[in-house]
Amino acid sequence: MQALTTPAETVSFIRHVVFELDVNFHPDTDFMDYTRRDGTPSFNAQAADELNAALAQAFRVCDLYGADMYDLALSVVQARLTT
């Protein structure tokens, strides 16, 4: 995954997680904790580590730009609920 350097890239990351990976995303949830309906992990350890690293980077970007990670995530999740 490419480095996140702006709030817009952070939103793109969240959109990828929500719409493409089909995750009911919350910024405080470790990607190892997401499961499918049958209880199996949504991600293997390597994928979860990569996504967690990107999430940590997204938080740093938000801090740097004074953006609110939770507001950004909420806007994407709300958009998902209306589609």
C-alpha atoms as a PDB file:
ATOM      1  CA  MET A   1       0.000   0.000   0.000  1.00  0.00           C
ATOM      2  CA  GLN A   2       1.333   3.417  -0.867  1.00  0.00           C
ATOM      3  CA  ALA A   3       2.184   5.923   1.839  1.00  0.00           C
ATOM      4  CA  LEU A   4      -0.624   8.165   3.051  1.00  0.00           C
ATOM      5  CA  THR A   5       0.444  11.798   3.127  1.00  0.00           C
ATOM      6  CA  THR A   6      -2.770  13.838   3.026  1.00  0.00           C
ATOM      7  CA  PRO A   7      -6.267  13.706   4.531  1.00  0.00           C
ATOM      8  CA  ALA A   8      -7.633  13.027   1.032  1.00  0.00           C
ATOM      9  CA  GLU A   9      -5.426   9.943   0.777  1.00  0.00           C
ATOM     10  CA  THR A  10      -6.640   8.914   4.214  1.00  0.00           C
ATOM     11  CA  VAL A  11     -10.241   9.121   2.996  1.00  0.00           C
ATOM     12  CA  SER A  12      -9.265   7.045  -0.052  1.00  0.00           C
ATOM     13  CA  PHE A  13      -7.782   4.417   2.271  1.00  0.00           C
ATOM     14  CA  ILE A  14     -10.957   4.339   4.373  1.00  0.00           C
ATOM     15  CA  ARG A  15     -13.090   4.075   1.225  1.00  0.00           C
ATOM     16  CA  HIS A  16     -10.945   1.159   0.072  1.00  0.00           C
ATOM     17  CA  VAL A  17     -11.446  -0.614   3.391  1.00  0.00           C
ATOM     18  CA  VAL A  18     -15.187   0.027   3.538  1.00  0.00           C
ATOM     19  CA  PHE A  19     -16.208  -0.401  -0.095  1.00  0.00           C
ATOM     20  CA  GLU A  20     -13.611  -2.726  -1.597  1.00  0.00           C
ATOM     21  CA  LEU A  21     -12.653  -4.871   1.390  1.00  0.00           C
ATOM     22  CA  ASP A  22     -16.263  -4.758   2.644  1.00  0.00           C
ATOM     23  CA  VAL A  23     -15.345  -4.042   6.269  1.00  0.00           C
ATOM     24  CA  ASN A  24     -17.621  -2.433   8.840  1.00  0.00           C
ATOM     25  CA  PHE A  25     -14.727  -0.132   9.666  1.00  0.00           C
ATOM     26  CA  HIS A  26     -13.987   1.606  12.951  1.00  0.00           C
ATOM     27  CA  PRO A  27     -10.648   3.415  13.427  1.00  0.00           C
ATOM     28  CA  ASP A  28     -10.044   1.814  16.842  1.00  0.00           C
ATOM     29  CA  THR A  29     -10.446  -1.776  15.639  1.00  0.00           C
ATOM     30  CA  ASP A  30      -7.346  -3.840  14.889  1.00  0.00           C
ATOM     31  CA  PHE A  31      -7.630  -5.475  11.480  1.00  0.00           C
ATOM     32  CA  MET A  32      -6.891  -8.858  13.111  1.00  0.00           C
ATOM     33  CA  ASP A  33     -10.212  -8.488  14.960  1.00  0.00           C
ATOM     34  CA  TYR A  34     -12.419  -8.342  11.856  1.00  0.00           C
ATOM     35  CA  THR A  35     -14.189 -11.593  11.066  1.00  0.00           C
ATOM     36  CA  ARG A  36     -16.473 -12.941   8.380  1.00  0.00           C
ATOM     37  CA  ARG A  37     -20.009 -14.042   9.153  1.00  0.00           C
ATOM     38  CA  ASP A  38     -18.781 -17.600   9.716  1.00  0.00           C
ATOM     39  CA  GLY A  39     -16.301 -16.415  12.368  1.00  0.00           C
ATOM     40  CA  THR A  40     -13.133 -16.848  10.304  1.00  0.00           C
ATOM     41  CA  PRO A  41     -10.650 -13.966  10.200  1.00  0.00           C
ATOM     42  CA  SER A  42     -11.238 -11.435   7.450  1.00  0.00           C
ATOM     43  CA  PHE A  43      -7.496 -10.953   6.970  1.00  0.00           C
ATOM     44  CA  ASN A  44      -4.414 -13.095   7.316  1.00  0.00           C
ATOM     45  CA  ALA A  45      -1.662 -11.825   9.615  1.00  0.00           C
ATOM     46  CA  GLN A  46       0.353 -10.164   6.839  1.00  0.00           C
ATOM     47  CA  ALA A  47      -2.637  -8.316   5.369  1.00  0.00           C
ATOM     48  CA  ALA A  48      -3.789  -7.226   8.832  1.00  0.00           C
ATOM     49  CA  ASP A  49      -0.303  -5.942   9.663  1.00  0.00           C
ATOM     50  CA  GLU A  50      -0.188  -3.936   6.422  1.00  0.00           C
ATOM     51  CA  LEU A  51      -3.647  -2.480   7.005  1.00  0.00           C
ATOM     52  CA  ASN A  52      -2.817  -1.665  10.640  1.00  0.00           C
ATOM     53  CA  ALA A  53       0.355   0.105   9.496  1.00  0.00           C
ATOM     54  CA  ALA A  54      -1.665   2.134   6.987  1.00  0.00           C
ATOM     55  CA  LEU A  55      -4.210   2.968   9.692  1.00  0.00           C
ATOM     56  CA  ALA A  56      -1.450   4.178  12.017  1.00  0.00           C
ATOM     57  CA  GLN A  57      -0.127   6.301   9.187  1.00  0.00           C
ATOM     58  CA  ALA A  58      -3.630   7.680   8.598  1.00  0.00           C
ATOM     59  CA  PHE A  59      -3.839   8.756  12.241  1.00  0.00           C
ATOM     60  CA  ARG A  60      -0.455  10.510  11.932  1.00  0.00           C
ATOM     61  CA  VAL A  61      -1.631  12.334   8.788  1.00  0.00           C
ATOM     62  CA  CYS A  62      -4.794  13.437  10.562  1.00  0.00           C
ATOM     63  CA  ASP A  63      -2.769  14.717  13.504  1.00  0.00           C
ATOM     64  CA  LEU A  64      -0.427  16.567  11.162  1.00  0.00           C
ATOM     65  CA  TYR A  65      -3.260  18.287   9.291  1.00  0.00           C
ATOM     66  CA  GLY A  66      -5.626  18.762  12.219  1.00  0.00           C
ATOM     67  CA  ALA A  67      -8.190  16.431  10.661  1.00  0.00           C
ATOM     68  CA  ASP A  68     -10.431  14.198  12.753  1.00  0.00           C
ATOM     69  CA  MET A  69      -9.968  10.533  11.829  1.00  0.00           C
ATOM     70  CA  TYR A  70     -13.303   9.609  13.360  1.00  0.00           C
ATOM     71  CA  ASP A  71     -15.193  12.233  11.345  1.00  0.00           C
ATOM     72  CA  LEU A  72     -13.490  11.083   8.147  1.00  0.00           C
ATOM     73  CA  ALA A  73     -14.342   7.452   8.866  1.00  0.00           C
ATOM     74  CA  LEU A  74     -17.912   8.292   9.830  1.00  0.00           C
ATOM     75  CA  SER A  75     -18.519  10.138   6.556  1.00  0.00           C
ATOM     76  CA  VAL A  76     -17.371   7.109   4.562  1.00  0.00           C
ATOM     77  CA  VAL A  77     -19.330   4.601   6.643  1.00  0.00           C
ATOM     78  CA  GLN A  78     -22.461   6.765   6.380  1.00  0.00           C
ATOM     79  CA  ALA A  79     -22.013   6.912   2.591  1.00  0.00           C
ATOM     80  CA  ARG A  80     -21.821   3.107   2.569  1.00  0.00           C
ATOM     81  CA  LEU A  81     -25.056   2.843   4.510  1.00  0.00           C
ATOM     82  CA  THR A  82     -26.896   4.967   1.971  1.00  0.00           C
ATOM     83  CA  THR A  83     -25.786   2.957  -1.066  1.00  0.00           C
END
